[in-house]
């Protein structure tokens, strides 16, 4: 209202710290490959405001400041950071991250008055001071933006800025040569996350005042779609929205000539980066294979610059923007491809892209007989049955495709699954098994209708899930005690240990939540117990007998103990309901196999998991196997999207790992959240191991059918891939395509992990040896 101009800065996806700061300080959105280095390293070198300054001093987080101080040209960027361990989401008071910055800046200027060398540097031209204030972001993650802690942190920052501005003006004698810019790299949702494209994540404040900035402008009316002006009582003060990273010309209090020269310099900077990248590409590419970007040939570059200079003289504007260079190549012969990649010094990723189709097509040709048998089986059906199967298959795949965009399509699919017993003879042959299938299908169908995980934490639901698992465990123990005489002496201790692990998980979740609410941090004993439970979850199932039901239940108990520790709400119930449906599926497939007259079915209680399957027991593929492969894909997609769209960045709630650590560590936190995502997948694959065993289905045939289903889905997503628009649109379209294309490879990995968990047997002590005396 008194000194500067303001507006809302519109950021772009992904709304993360690294890309936001690069846009603010370097003036462009960098290549997405930065995500492969944890948003910490520079995959493509670039120039920045800090590098072009005479001197820069920065205070704040080591994660942000370090990436702009690295590889600068000269020794003129000085950073001061606190310890990375101070970024603790569970700390008593994280406002210290901001007060540390303010205190150190004040101490820095006090020291400068007694240091002639530093004082001289501070009075040079083109100096930048960068104050990175992380406390509000950390409080938002830990306590949500609606919390008292978050609002108190805002007050602290507001008061700190007022004091720092006053100190700057006093130090420089109110010379009016300092420009102040206050903004943010990204926003945050009401549930305390960011990364995606929700308006609360992409809208940030932009307030600037001081040298070269326009004074406030009083207006009578303003037209904006949102209600911010009225909420903030700023209807009469001109609001000027900007796009993050783009020079905001309307804010500059200078001549049109100065603005034109500024935007012209910006265009030249982008052009120079393009020219350097083109030169680097040309040096490692064979001359006859290099194709220059025609829209920016050297002659066109000169013409554009000449016209721009002419327009500046005429007080007109012109813009040049280079388009993306996107080039794909595909060669069929492996040796020739490898040779050309080698002599052109391409990175190792190019070898994967270009050579992967060669072994895949070789494998397809080797297994042509399997595909031929499947086609022959389909053609042997009556035409009406064949058309019916085709229509149902097409509808099923379309439901899978739509489920990537609309989670409720999974609900529709599960409701349709519930009707499976009624269209076959299963309802009359096995009513109890059919009722279990129907009940758990409908129960699981509720989850895709629930809000995305993390938005409304509810520890009571986590406790409920733990209690249900304990009750189920007691029922299983009682059943096994009656059925097996050796259970009490040999297997009961393991079950009791796993139940104790579940009790400890519930205790840790409850006590950690209370401790964090009281701002007492993460108790060390809770942290130790959590890591022990996580480590033991990989070992305890291997101590159980390899009998089908007992091993699967042991896997469920161990994985649920870990999942409880990683849960914050209703998602804790998801693996339990999913596992119950998987047990029902195993029994349903046995009934189906007996109905079709394929061999004599064994009881689930007597079947054992074996590592080396007898190939003579495997049978030819039939139409039911297509349904089984489809069920597997559907359940995997349900495990993927059942509790939220985990393909979206803001679906990852950092609070879910607070039982393990609260100090910011992106790779450890990411690994824990990834394991939480994989647990439902592992449960599905372990159950399907049982289905394969009971139905004598070949894994090779299964993978081929899944490959066909995923390829048909991939065709849909391939034509939906976009190379224009926002990062959210481009990234979503690419991620959908990559997910379905990698489904078969992921399936191989999960199948190997499921085989290990189901077939491997560990013994704590061997049998006593006999000695000859």
Foldseek 3Di string as FASTA:
>chain_A
DFFFAKAKAFEFFQLDALQLVCLQWQQDRDDPCCVVVVSQEDPADADTLCLPFQAEEEEAACSHLVRVCPPRDDDHYHYHYDDLLLLFLLFLANLVRQVVLLVVVVVVLVVLVVPVVSVVSVPDPRYYYYYDRCSLLSPCQNPFCVDPSNVVSVVVVVVSVVVVVVVVCVSVVVPQPDKDWDKGSWAADRLRFGGFNDCRTRIMIIIMGTPFFDGWDFDDADDDPDCVCVVVVPGGTDHDYYYRSHPPLVGGPDDLLVSLVVVLVVQVSVVVSVVVVLVVQCVLADPVPDDDDVCPDPVNVVVQNVVSVVCSVVSHHDHDDDDDDDDDDEDADLVVLVVNCVSSVHDPVVNCVHRVVRVVVVVCVVCVVQVVLVVVQLVVDPPVVSVVLVVVLVVLLVLLLCCLVQVLSLLVVLQVQLCVCVVDVNCVVPVPLSVLLNVLSNVLSVQSVDDFASRDFDLVLLVVLLVVLLVVLVVVLVVVVVVDVCCVPQPVVLSVVLNVLSVLLNVLSVVQVVCSVSSNARDPVLQVSLVVLVVCLLPSLQAWFLQQVGSLSSNLSSLLSNLSLLHGHNCSNNLVSLLSSLVSVLVVLLVVLVVVVPDDFDDSRPDGQALDDDLVLADRDHPVLLVVLSVLVSQLSCLCDSNHPVLGRRSDRLVSNRSNGRSDDVVVSVVSSVVSSCSSVLSSLLSVSSNCVRNRHDPVSSLVSLQVSLVVSLVVLVVLADPDDGCNSNSSSVVSNVCSNCVSVVSVVSNVSSSCSNHRHDDPDDDDDDDDD
